């Protein structure tokens, strides 16, 4: 065979379920594969996934991934994607959501948009209202063997934090930047902005 090709027909679907690690149970993961082609150059077509899972202590979640690949292999070709999802964070009696987009082009992975947050966080006598993490600048990871680089900037915003005794922290914003080699080796610098603490 000079140029073998694997093509998935309409209705092609890969499904899986089970325990990945001791704590995390995959209720179901679905990979619709219709129209996807695999060649020596890489993967072409629409790449999708739907994941439903739960962890006994932490809660449950559902995540969706939808993207387009063009001659994609790790560090070669292009894969653009968007993602969204929601879940429950049981320890703090909260619901959370996430959405965003990005791409993997050759040896650069870029997270171009991100918004994730909770409706509230409750722990003991403390309640934080609507904390949310968003991007100030895209997060870019250059996976270069000689000169790897990770850069980006984020903003964490929270409404008022209240305590059962009547005291509170005002709405606050923490802005911070990342700079390093990869997701396991980086430094961050930031600044916290808030109004007067009361009472």
N, C-alpha and C. Protein backbone atom coordinates (compact mmCIF):
# COMPACT_ATOMS: atom_id res chain seq x y z
N UNK A 1 0.85 -1.19 0.00
CA UNK A 1 0.00 0.00 0.00
C UNK A 1 0.88 1.24 0.00
N UNK A 2 0.65 2.11 -0.96
CA UNK A 2 1.44 3.33 -1.06
C UNK A 2 0.94 4.40 -0.11
N UNK A 3 -0.38 4.58 -0.07
CA UNK A 3 -0.95 5.64 0.77
C UNK A 3 -2.22 5.13 1.44
N UNK A 4 -2.10 4.33 2.51
CA UNK A 4 -3.28 3.77 3.17
C UNK A 4 -4.12 4.87 3.83
N UNK A 5 -5.43 4.62 3.88
CA UNK A 5 -6.35 5.59 4.48
C UNK A 5 -7.45 4.85 5.21
N UNK A 6 -7.74 5.29 6.43
CA UNK A 6 -8.85 4.75 7.21
C UNK A 6 -9.94 5.81 7.26
N UNK A 7 -11.12 5.48 6.74
CA UNK A 7 -12.23 6.45 6.70
C UNK A 7 -13.42 5.88 7.47
N UNK A 8 -14.01 6.69 8.35
CA UNK A 8 -15.16 6.26 9.14
C UNK A 8 -16.45 6.72 8.45
N UNK A 9 -17.40 5.80 8.32
CA UNK A 9 -18.64 6.06 7.62
C UNK A 9 -19.68 6.71 8.54
N UNK A 10 -20.76 7.27 7.96
CA UNK A 10 -21.83 7.85 8.79
C UNK A 10 -22.34 6.85 9.82
N UNK A 11 -22.56 7.34 11.02
CA UNK A 11 -23.02 6.49 12.11
C UNK A 11 -21.91 5.87 12.94
N UNK A 12 -20.66 6.03 12.51
CA UNK A 12 -19.53 5.47 13.28
C UNK A 12 -19.44 6.15 14.65
N UNK A 13 -19.34 5.35 15.69
CA UNK A 13 -19.34 5.88 17.05
C UNK A 13 -18.54 4.95 17.94
N UNK A 14 -17.65 5.51 18.74
CA UNK A 14 -16.89 4.75 19.72
C UNK A 14 -17.38 5.15 21.10
N UNK A 15 -17.71 4.15 21.92
CA UNK A 15 -18.22 4.42 23.27
C UNK A 15 -17.39 3.65 24.28
N UNK A 16 -17.28 4.23 25.48
CA UNK A 16 -16.53 3.57 26.54
C UNK A 16 -17.10 3.99 27.88
N UNK A 17 -16.90 3.16 28.88
CA UNK A 17 -17.29 3.48 30.25
C UNK A 17 -16.46 2.65 31.21
N UNK A 18 -16.44 3.06 32.47
CA UNK A 18 -15.68 2.31 33.46
C UNK A 18 -14.87 3.22 34.35
N UNK A 19 -14.03 2.63 35.16
CA UNK A 19 -13.22 3.37 36.12
C UNK A 19 -11.83 3.59 35.54
N UNK A 20 -11.42 4.88 35.45
CA UNK A 20 -10.10 5.22 34.93
C UNK A 20 -9.05 5.09 36.02
N UNK A 21 -9.31 5.71 37.16
CA UNK A 21 -8.49 5.58 38.36
C UNK A 21 -9.42 5.21 39.50
N UNK A 22 -8.88 4.96 40.67
CA UNK A 22 -9.71 4.51 41.78
C UNK A 22 -10.88 5.44 42.07
N UNK A 23 -10.65 6.76 41.95
CA UNK A 23 -11.66 7.71 42.36
C UNK A 23 -12.61 8.13 41.24
N UNK A 24 -12.15 8.13 39.99
CA UNK A 24 -12.94 8.69 38.88
C UNK A 24 -13.66 7.59 38.09
N UNK A 25 -14.97 7.72 38.02
CA UNK A 25 -15.78 6.78 37.26
C UNK A 25 -16.29 7.44 35.99
N UNK A 26 -16.01 6.84 34.84
CA UNK A 26 -16.52 7.32 33.56
C UNK A 26 -17.91 6.70 33.36
N UNK A 27 -18.95 7.52 33.46
CA UNK A 27 -20.30 7.01 33.21
C UNK A 27 -20.46 6.69 31.73
N UNK A 28 -19.94 7.56 30.87
CA UNK A 28 -19.94 7.29 29.43
C UNK A 28 -19.08 8.33 28.73
N UNK A 29 -18.31 7.87 27.75
CA UNK A 29 -17.62 8.78 26.85
C UNK A 29 -17.95 8.33 25.43
N UNK A 30 -18.33 9.31 24.60
CA UNK A 30 -18.75 9.02 23.23
C UNK A 30 -17.87 9.80 22.26
N UNK A 31 -17.36 9.11 21.25
CA UNK A 31 -16.58 9.74 20.18
C UNK A 31 -17.30 9.52 18.85
N UNK A 32 -18.11 10.47 18.38
CA UNK A 32 -18.68 10.34 17.03
C UNK A 32 -17.55 10.45 16.00
N UNK A 33 -17.45 9.49 15.10
CA UNK A 33 -16.31 9.42 14.18
C UNK A 33 -16.71 9.56 12.71
N UNK A 34 -17.98 9.80 12.43
CA UNK A 34 -18.43 9.90 11.04
C UNK A 34 -17.65 10.98 10.30
N UNK A 35 -17.11 10.63 9.14
CA UNK A 35 -16.40 11.60 8.31
C UNK A 35 -14.94 11.78 8.65
N UNK A 36 -14.46 11.17 9.72
CA UNK A 36 -13.05 11.30 10.11
C UNK A 36 -12.19 10.38 9.23
N UNK A 37 -11.04 10.89 8.79
CA UNK A 37 -10.10 10.11 7.99
C UNK A 37 -8.73 10.11 8.66
N UNK A 38 -8.06 8.97 8.62
CA UNK A 38 -6.72 8.83 9.17
C UNK A 38 -5.79 8.39 8.05
N UNK A 39 -4.74 9.18 7.80
CA UNK A 39 -3.75 8.86 6.77
C UNK A 39 -2.36 8.95 7.38
N UNK A 40 -1.34 8.73 6.55
CA UNK A 40 0.04 8.88 7.03
C UNK A 40 0.33 10.31 7.45
N UNK A 41 -0.39 11.27 6.88
CA UNK A 41 -0.17 12.68 7.22
C UNK A 41 -0.83 13.07 8.54
N UNK A 42 -1.82 12.28 8.98
CA UNK A 42 -2.49 12.59 10.23
C UNK A 42 -3.99 12.39 10.15
N UNK A 43 -4.70 13.06 11.05
CA UNK A 43 -6.15 12.94 11.16
C UNK A 43 -6.80 14.14 10.49
N UNK A 44 -7.87 13.88 9.72
CA UNK A 44 -8.65 14.93 9.09
C UNK A 44 -10.11 14.75 9.45
N UNK A 45 -10.80 15.87 9.69
CA UNK A 45 -12.24 15.80 9.92
C UNK A 45 -12.65 16.39 11.24
N UNK A 46 -13.93 16.22 11.52
CA UNK A 46 -14.51 16.78 12.74
C UNK A 46 -14.26 15.82 13.91
N UNK A 47 -13.59 16.32 14.94
CA UNK A 47 -13.30 15.53 16.13
C UNK A 47 -14.20 15.99 17.26
N UNK A 48 -14.99 15.05 17.78
CA UNK A 48 -15.94 15.37 18.84
C UNK A 48 -15.79 14.37 19.98
N UNK A 49 -16.22 14.79 21.16
CA UNK A 49 -16.27 13.88 22.31
C UNK A 49 -17.27 14.42 23.32
N UNK A 50 -17.95 13.52 23.98
CA UNK A 50 -18.88 13.86 25.06
C UNK A 50 -18.53 12.96 26.24
N UNK A 51 -18.21 13.57 27.37
CA UNK A 51 -17.78 12.83 28.56
C UNK A 51 -18.71 13.11 29.72
N UNK A 52 -19.24 12.06 30.32
CA UNK A 52 -19.99 12.16 31.57
C UNK A 52 -19.27 11.31 32.61
N UNK A 53 -18.97 11.92 33.75
CA UNK A 53 -18.20 11.20 34.78
C UNK A 53 -18.58 11.71 36.16
N UNK A 54 -18.17 10.96 37.18
CA UNK A 54 -18.40 11.41 38.55
C UNK A 54 -17.29 10.88 39.46
N UNK A 55 -17.10 11.59 40.53
CA UNK A 55 -16.15 11.20 41.58
C UNK A 55 -16.92 11.25 42.89
N UNK A 56 -16.81 10.20 43.67
CA UNK A 56 -17.67 10.01 44.83
C UNK A 56 -17.70 11.21 45.77
N UNK A 57 -16.55 11.80 46.05
CA UNK A 57 -16.48 12.91 47.01
C UNK A 57 -16.61 14.28 46.34
N UNK A 58 -16.12 14.41 45.11
CA UNK A 58 -16.02 15.74 44.48
C UNK A 58 -17.25 16.14 43.67
N UNK A 59 -17.98 15.17 43.11
CA UNK A 59 -19.17 15.51 42.34
C UNK A 59 -19.16 14.92 40.94
N UNK A 60 -20.07 15.41 40.10
CA UNK A 60 -20.22 14.89 38.75
C UNK A 60 -20.05 16.01 37.74
N UNK A 61 -19.80 15.64 36.46
CA UNK A 61 -19.64 16.66 35.43
C UNK A 61 -19.90 16.06 34.05
N UNK A 62 -20.20 16.96 33.11
CA UNK A 62 -20.36 16.62 31.71
C UNK A 62 -19.52 17.60 30.90
N UNK A 63 -18.71 17.09 29.99
CA UNK A 63 -17.86 17.93 29.14
C UNK A 63 -18.09 17.58 27.67
N UNK A 64 -18.09 18.62 26.82
CA UNK A 64 -18.23 18.46 25.37
C UNK A 64 -17.01 19.04 24.68
N UNK A 65 -16.56 18.37 23.63
CA UNK A 65 -15.46 18.86 22.81
C UNK A 65 -15.88 18.75 21.35
N UNK A 66 -15.66 19.81 20.59
CA UNK A 66 -16.01 19.80 19.17
C UNK A 66 -14.94 20.58 18.42
N UNK A 67 -14.33 19.95 17.43
CA UNK A 67 -13.25 20.62 16.72
C UNK A 67 -13.04 20.09 15.32
N UNK A 68 -12.08 20.66 14.64
CA UNK A 68 -11.76 20.29 13.26
C UNK A 68 -10.27 20.05 13.15
N UNK A 69 -9.90 18.90 12.58
CA UNK A 69 -8.49 18.54 12.41
C UNK A 69 -8.11 18.58 10.94
N UNK A 70 -6.87 18.97 10.68
CA UNK A 70 -6.33 18.99 9.32
C UNK A 70 -4.91 18.44 9.34
N UNK A 71 -4.73 17.24 8.81
CA UNK A 71 -3.42 16.56 8.82
C UNK A 71 -2.80 16.63 10.21
N UNK A 72 -3.60 16.32 11.24
CA UNK A 72 -3.13 16.50 12.61
C UNK A 72 -2.48 15.24 13.17
N UNK A 73 -1.29 15.44 13.71
CA UNK A 73 -0.59 14.51 14.59
C UNK A 73 0.01 15.36 15.70
N UNK A 74 0.33 14.80 16.85
CA UNK A 74 0.97 15.62 17.89
C UNK A 74 2.18 16.37 17.35
N UNK A 75 2.15 17.71 17.51
CA UNK A 75 3.21 18.62 17.05
C UNK A 75 3.33 18.70 15.54
N UNK A 76 2.25 18.36 14.83
CA UNK A 76 2.24 18.46 13.36
C UNK A 76 0.80 18.66 12.89
N UNK A 77 0.61 19.57 11.94
CA UNK A 77 -0.74 19.82 11.44
C UNK A 77 -1.50 20.77 12.34
N UNK A 78 -2.83 20.72 12.23
CA UNK A 78 -3.66 21.68 12.97
C UNK A 78 -4.92 21.02 13.49
N UNK A 79 -5.26 21.35 14.73
CA UNK A 79 -6.50 20.90 15.35
C UNK A 79 -7.10 22.08 16.09
N UNK A 80 -8.23 22.57 15.62
CA UNK A 80 -8.95 23.65 16.30
C UNK A 80 -10.09 23.04 17.09
N UNK A 81 -10.38 23.62 18.26
CA UNK A 81 -11.45 23.04 19.07
C UNK A 81 -12.15 24.12 19.89
N UNK A 82 -13.36 23.74 20.33
CA UNK A 82 -14.07 24.50 21.36
C UNK A 82 -14.61 23.48 22.36
N UNK A 83 -14.84 23.93 23.58
CA UNK A 83 -15.26 23.01 24.63
C UNK A 83 -16.23 23.72 25.55
N UNK A 84 -17.08 22.97 26.20
CA UNK A 84 -18.03 23.52 27.16
C UNK A 84 -18.49 22.39 28.07
N UNK A 85 -18.99 22.77 29.24
CA UNK A 85 -19.44 21.75 30.17
C UNK A 85 -19.96 22.36 31.45
N UNK A 86 -20.41 21.47 32.33
CA UNK A 86 -20.95 21.90 33.62
C UNK A 86 -20.88 20.73 34.59
N UNK A 87 -21.03 21.06 35.87
CA UNK A 87 -20.99 20.00 36.86
C UNK A 87 -21.31 20.50 38.25
N UNK A 88 -21.19 19.61 39.22
CA UNK A 88 -21.41 19.93 40.63
C UNK A 88 -20.10 19.70 41.39
N UNK A 89 -19.78 20.65 42.28
CA UNK A 89 -18.60 20.53 43.15
C UNK A 89 -19.13 20.32 44.56
N UNK A 90 -19.28 19.06 44.94
CA UNK A 90 -19.96 18.68 46.17
C UNK A 90 -19.36 19.27 47.44
N UNK A 91 -18.02 19.28 47.62
CA UNK A 91 -17.47 19.77 48.90
C UNK A 91 -17.88 21.20 49.24
N UNK A 92 -18.15 22.04 48.24
CA UNK A 92 -18.52 23.43 48.50
C UNK A 92 -19.93 23.76 48.00
N UNK A 93 -20.75 22.72 47.84
CA UNK A 93 -22.16 22.88 47.50
C UNK A 93 -22.36 23.82 46.32
N UNK A 94 -21.59 23.61 45.27
CA UNK A 94 -21.58 24.56 44.16
C UNK A 94 -21.83 23.88 42.82
N UNK A 95 -22.36 24.67 41.89
CA UNK A 95 -22.43 24.28 40.49
C UNK A 95 -21.35 25.05 39.74
N UNK A 96 -20.75 24.43 38.72
CA UNK A 96 -19.73 25.12 37.94
C UNK A 96 -19.98 24.93 36.45
N UNK A 97 -19.38 25.80 35.67
CA UNK A 97 -19.48 25.69 34.22
C UNK A 97 -18.15 26.11 33.60
N UNK A 98 -17.94 25.70 32.36
CA UNK A 98 -16.71 26.06 31.65
C UNK A 98 -17.02 26.14 30.16
N UNK A 99 -16.35 27.05 29.46
CA UNK A 99 -16.42 27.09 28.00
C UNK A 99 -15.18 27.81 27.49
N UNK A 100 -14.81 27.49 26.26
CA UNK A 100 -13.64 28.13 25.69
C UNK A 100 -13.30 27.55 24.33
N UNK A 101 -12.15 27.97 23.81
CA UNK A 101 -11.71 27.51 22.50
C UNK A 101 -10.20 27.58 22.42
N UNK A 102 -9.64 26.90 21.42
CA UNK A 102 -8.20 26.92 21.24
C UNK A 102 -7.80 26.13 20.02
N UNK A 103 -6.50 25.93 19.87
CA UNK A 103 -6.00 25.14 18.75
C UNK A 103 -4.62 24.58 19.08
N UNK A 104 -4.29 23.50 18.39
CA UNK A 104 -2.95 22.91 18.42
C UNK A 104 -2.45 22.95 17.00
N UNK A 105 -1.53 23.88 16.73
CA UNK A 105 -0.96 24.03 15.39
C UNK A 105 0.52 23.73 15.46
N UNK A 106 0.94 22.68 14.76
CA UNK A 106 2.33 22.22 14.80
C UNK A 106 2.75 22.03 16.26
N UNK A 107 3.80 22.71 16.73
CA UNK A 107 4.25 22.47 18.11
C UNK A 107 3.78 23.54 19.09
N UNK A 108 2.72 24.28 18.73
CA UNK A 108 2.19 25.32 19.62
C UNK A 108 0.74 25.03 19.98
N UNK A 109 0.46 24.98 21.28
CA UNK A 109 -0.91 24.82 21.77
C UNK A 109 -1.35 26.17 22.33
N UNK A 110 -2.49 26.67 21.84
CA UNK A 110 -2.99 27.97 22.26
C UNK A 110 -4.39 27.83 22.82
N UNK A 111 -4.59 28.31 24.05
CA UNK A 111 -5.92 28.43 24.63
C UNK A 111 -6.35 29.87 24.42
N UNK A 112 -7.22 30.09 23.44
CA UNK A 112 -7.55 31.46 23.04
C UNK A 112 -8.71 32.06 23.82
N UNK A 113 -9.57 31.23 24.39
CA UNK A 113 -10.64 31.75 25.24
C UNK A 113 -10.96 30.75 26.34
N UNK A 114 -11.32 31.28 27.49
CA UNK A 114 -11.66 30.46 28.66
C UNK A 114 -12.56 31.26 29.58
N UNK A 115 -13.62 30.64 30.04
CA UNK A 115 -14.46 31.21 31.09
C UNK A 115 -14.96 30.06 31.93
N UNK A 116 -14.58 30.04 33.20
CA UNK A 116 -15.02 28.97 34.09
C UNK A 116 -15.29 29.56 35.47
N UNK A 117 -16.32 29.06 36.12
CA UNK A 117 -16.64 29.62 37.42
C UNK A 117 -17.71 28.81 38.14
N UNK A 118 -18.02 29.28 39.35
CA UNK A 118 -19.00 28.65 40.23
C UNK A 118 -20.15 29.62 40.49
N UNK A 119 -21.33 29.09 40.80
CA UNK A 119 -22.41 29.97 41.21
C UNK A 119 -22.14 30.52 42.61
N UNK A 120 -21.43 29.73 43.43
CA UNK A 120 -21.03 30.13 44.78
C UNK A 120 -20.07 29.09 45.30
N UNK A 121 -19.35 29.44 46.36
CA UNK A 121 -18.52 28.49 47.09
C UNK A 121 -18.85 28.64 48.56
N UNK A 122 -19.28 27.57 49.20
CA UNK A 122 -19.60 27.61 50.63
C UNK A 122 -18.71 26.62 51.37
N UNK A 123 -18.04 27.13 52.42
CA UNK A 123 -17.17 26.28 53.22
C UNK A 123 -17.20 26.80 54.65
N UNK A 124 -17.73 25.99 55.56
CA UNK A 124 -17.84 26.44 56.95
C UNK A 124 -18.72 27.67 57.04
N UNK A 125 -18.17 28.75 57.60
CA UNK A 125 -18.93 30.00 57.79
C UNK A 125 -18.76 30.97 56.63
N UNK A 126 -18.06 30.56 55.58
CA UNK A 126 -17.73 31.47 54.48
C UNK A 126 -18.56 31.14 53.24
N UNK A 127 -18.96 32.21 52.54
CA UNK A 127 -19.66 32.05 51.26
C UNK A 127 -19.09 33.06 50.26
N UNK A 128 -18.54 32.55 49.14
CA UNK A 128 -18.00 33.39 48.07
C UNK A 128 -19.01 33.38 46.93
N UNK A 129 -19.39 34.57 46.46
CA UNK A 129 -20.40 34.67 45.40
C UNK A 129 -19.76 34.75 44.02
N UNK A 130 -20.21 33.91 43.14
CA UNK A 130 -19.90 33.89 41.69
C UNK A 130 -18.43 34.12 41.33
N UNK A 131 -17.49 33.35 41.86
CA UNK A 131 -16.10 33.48 41.39
C UNK A 131 -15.97 32.98 39.95
N UNK A 132 -15.18 33.68 39.13
CA UNK A 132 -15.03 33.30 37.72
C UNK A 132 -13.62 33.59 37.24
N UNK A 133 -13.06 32.62 36.51
CA UNK A 133 -11.72 32.74 35.94
C UNK A 133 -11.84 32.92 34.43
N UNK A 134 -11.20 33.97 33.90
CA UNK A 134 -11.22 34.23 32.46
C UNK A 134 -9.81 34.57 31.99
N UNK A 135 -9.62 34.55 30.67
CA UNK A 135 -8.33 34.90 30.09
C UNK A 135 -8.21 36.40 29.88
N UNK A 136 -7.07 36.95 30.26
CA UNK A 136 -6.71 38.32 29.90
C UNK A 136 -5.90 38.32 28.61
N UNK A 137 -5.04 37.33 28.48
CA UNK A 137 -4.27 37.09 27.26
C UNK A 137 -4.26 35.59 27.00
N UNK A 138 -4.26 35.17 25.74
CA UNK A 138 -4.25 33.73 25.44
C UNK A 138 -3.08 33.02 26.13
N UNK A 139 -3.34 31.79 26.56
CA UNK A 139 -2.27 30.95 27.10
C UNK A 139 -1.65 30.19 25.93
N UNK A 140 -0.35 30.34 25.75
CA UNK A 140 0.34 29.71 24.61
C UNK A 140 1.49 28.86 25.13
N UNK A 141 1.50 27.61 24.72
CA UNK A 141 2.56 26.67 25.11
C UNK A 141 3.29 26.26 23.84
N UNK A 142 4.51 26.73 23.71
CA UNK A 142 5.36 26.37 22.58
C UNK A 142 6.17 25.14 22.97
N UNK A 143 5.88 24.01 22.33
CA UNK A 143 6.50 22.73 22.69
C UNK A 143 7.77 22.51 21.86
N UNK A 144 8.68 23.45 21.95
CA UNK A 144 9.94 23.38 21.21
C UNK A 144 10.98 22.66 22.06
N UNK A 145 11.66 21.70 21.48
CA UNK A 145 12.63 20.91 22.24
C UNK A 145 13.76 21.76 22.81
N UNK A 146 14.20 22.77 22.06
CA UNK A 146 15.31 23.61 22.50
C UNK A 146 14.87 24.81 23.32
N UNK A 147 13.73 25.42 22.95
CA UNK A 147 13.28 26.64 23.62
C UNK A 147 11.79 26.57 23.94
N UNK A 148 11.39 25.70 24.87
CA UNK A 148 9.97 25.64 25.24
C UNK A 148 9.54 26.91 25.97
N UNK A 149 8.26 27.27 25.85
CA UNK A 149 7.80 28.51 26.48
C UNK A 149 6.31 28.40 26.78
N UNK A 150 5.93 28.88 27.95
CA UNK A 150 4.52 28.97 28.34
C UNK A 150 4.24 30.39 28.79
N UNK A 151 3.26 31.05 28.17
CA UNK A 151 2.91 32.42 28.53
C UNK A 151 1.39 32.56 28.55
N UNK A 152 0.92 33.60 29.23
CA UNK A 152 -0.51 33.89 29.27
C UNK A 152 -0.85 34.76 30.46
N UNK A 153 -2.09 35.19 30.53
CA UNK A 153 -2.55 36.02 31.64
C UNK A 153 -4.02 35.73 31.90
N UNK A 154 -4.38 35.71 33.19
CA UNK A 154 -5.75 35.38 33.60
C UNK A 154 -6.27 36.38 34.61
N UNK A 155 -7.59 36.35 34.79
CA UNK A 155 -8.24 37.21 35.77
C UNK A 155 -9.24 36.38 36.56
N UNK A 156 -9.14 36.44 37.89
CA UNK A 156 -10.08 35.76 38.77
C UNK A 156 -10.92 36.82 39.47
N UNK A 157 -12.21 36.84 39.17
CA UNK A 157 -13.12 37.83 39.73
C UNK A 157 -14.11 37.15 40.66
N UNK A 158 -14.38 37.77 41.80
CA UNK A 158 -15.35 37.24 42.75
C UNK A 158 -16.20 38.38 43.29
N UNK A 159 -17.50 38.11 43.47
CA UNK A 159 -18.37 39.08 44.11
C UNK A 159 -18.11 39.03 45.62
N UNK A 160 -18.97 39.63 46.41
CA UNK A 160 -18.76 39.73 47.86
C UNK A 160 -18.58 38.36 48.51
N UNK A 161 -17.66 38.28 49.47
CA UNK A 161 -17.48 37.10 50.31
C UNK A 161 -18.02 37.42 51.69
N UNK A 162 -18.96 36.63 52.18
CA UNK A 162 -19.59 36.90 53.47
C UNK A 162 -19.25 35.80 54.47
N UNK A 163 -19.30 36.17 55.75
CA UNK A 163 -19.06 35.24 56.85
C UNK A 163 -20.26 35.29 57.79
N UNK A 164 -20.52 34.20 58.49
CA UNK A 164 -21.73 34.09 59.29
C UNK A 164 -21.79 35.13 60.41
N UNK A 165 -20.64 35.65 60.85
CA UNK A 165 -20.64 36.65 61.91
C UNK A 165 -21.03 38.04 61.45
N UNK A 166 -21.23 38.23 60.16
CA UNK A 166 -21.63 39.53 59.64
C UNK A 166 -20.53 40.27 58.91
N UNK A 167 -19.29 39.84 59.07
CA UNK A 167 -18.20 40.50 58.35
C UNK A 167 -18.19 40.05 56.90
N UNK A 168 -17.46 40.80 56.06
CA UNK A 168 -17.43 40.46 54.64
C UNK A 168 -16.16 40.99 53.99
N UNK A 169 -15.84 40.40 52.87
CA UNK A 169 -14.81 40.92 51.98
C UNK A 169 -15.52 41.46 50.74
N UNK A 170 -15.14 42.62 50.26
CA UNK A 170 -15.82 43.19 49.09
C UNK A 170 -15.46 42.43 47.81
N UNK A 171 -16.15 42.77 46.75
CA UNK A 171 -15.82 42.18 45.45
C UNK A 171 -14.35 42.41 45.14
N UNK A 172 -13.70 41.41 44.55
CA UNK A 172 -12.26 41.51 44.33
C UNK A 172 -11.89 40.93 42.96
N UNK A 173 -10.73 41.34 42.47
CA UNK A 173 -10.19 40.84 41.21
C UNK A 173 -8.71 40.53 41.39
N UNK A 174 -8.32 39.32 41.02
CA UNK A 174 -6.92 38.93 41.03
C UNK A 174 -6.49 38.73 39.59
N UNK A 175 -5.56 39.55 39.13
CA UNK A 175 -5.02 39.41 37.78
C UNK A 175 -3.60 38.87 37.89
N UNK A 176 -3.29 37.84 37.09
CA UNK A 176 -1.95 37.27 37.17
C UNK A 176 -1.49 36.78 35.80
N UNK A 177 -0.17 36.80 35.62
CA UNK A 177 0.46 36.39 34.36
C UNK A 177 1.31 35.15 34.59
N UNK A 178 1.36 34.29 33.58
CA UNK A 178 2.17 33.07 33.62
C UNK A 178 3.37 33.23 32.69
N UNK A 179 4.51 32.70 33.14
CA UNK A 179 5.71 32.72 32.29
C UNK A 179 6.60 31.56 32.72
N UNK A 180 6.89 30.67 31.78
CA UNK A 180 7.72 29.52 32.12
C UNK A 180 8.00 28.65 30.91
N UNK A 181 8.33 27.39 31.20
CA UNK A 181 8.69 26.44 30.13
C UNK A 181 7.50 25.61 29.66
N UNK A 182 6.70 25.12 30.62
CA UNK A 182 5.59 24.23 30.30
C UNK A 182 4.62 24.23 31.48
N UNK A 183 3.48 23.50 31.39
CA UNK A 183 2.50 23.54 32.47
C UNK A 183 3.00 23.00 33.81
N UNK A 184 4.15 22.34 33.85
CA UNK A 184 4.70 21.85 35.11
C UNK A 184 5.83 22.73 35.65
N UNK A 185 6.26 23.74 34.87
CA UNK A 185 7.39 24.58 35.29
C UNK A 185 7.13 26.01 34.83
N UNK A 186 6.57 26.82 35.73
CA UNK A 186 6.30 28.22 35.40
C UNK A 186 6.21 29.04 36.67
N UNK A 187 6.32 30.34 36.52
CA UNK A 187 6.13 31.29 37.62
C UNK A 187 4.93 32.16 37.28
N UNK A 188 4.29 32.70 38.32
CA UNK A 188 3.23 33.66 38.04
C UNK A 188 3.37 34.87 38.95
N UNK A 189 3.01 36.01 38.41
CA UNK A 189 3.00 37.26 39.16
C UNK A 189 1.61 37.85 39.05
N UNK A 190 1.14 38.47 40.12
CA UNK A 190 -0.21 39.00 40.08
C UNK A 190 -0.44 40.13 41.05
N UNK A 191 -1.63 40.69 40.97
CA UNK A 191 -2.03 41.79 41.84
C UNK A 191 -3.50 41.62 42.19
N UNK A 192 -3.82 41.83 43.47
CA UNK A 192 -5.19 41.72 43.96
C UNK A 192 -5.77 43.11 44.13
N UNK A 193 -6.97 43.32 43.59
CA UNK A 193 -7.65 44.60 43.69
C UNK A 193 -8.99 44.38 44.40
N UNK A 194 -9.25 45.17 45.46
CA UNK A 194 -10.51 45.05 46.19
C UNK A 194 -10.83 46.37 46.87
N UNK A 195 -12.12 46.54 47.21
CA UNK A 195 -12.54 47.73 47.95
C UNK A 195 -12.26 47.54 49.44
N UNK A 196 -12.71 48.48 50.25
CA UNK A 196 -12.47 48.45 51.69
C UNK A 196 -13.17 47.25 52.33
N UNK A 197 -12.45 46.58 53.23
CA UNK A 197 -13.00 45.44 53.96
C UNK A 197 -13.93 45.95 55.05
N UNK A 198 -15.04 45.25 55.29
CA UNK A 198 -15.95 45.70 56.33
C UNK A 198 -16.60 44.51 57.05
N UNK A 199 -17.36 44.80 58.16
CA UNK A 199 -17.44 46.13 58.78
C UNK A 199 -16.23 46.38 59.65
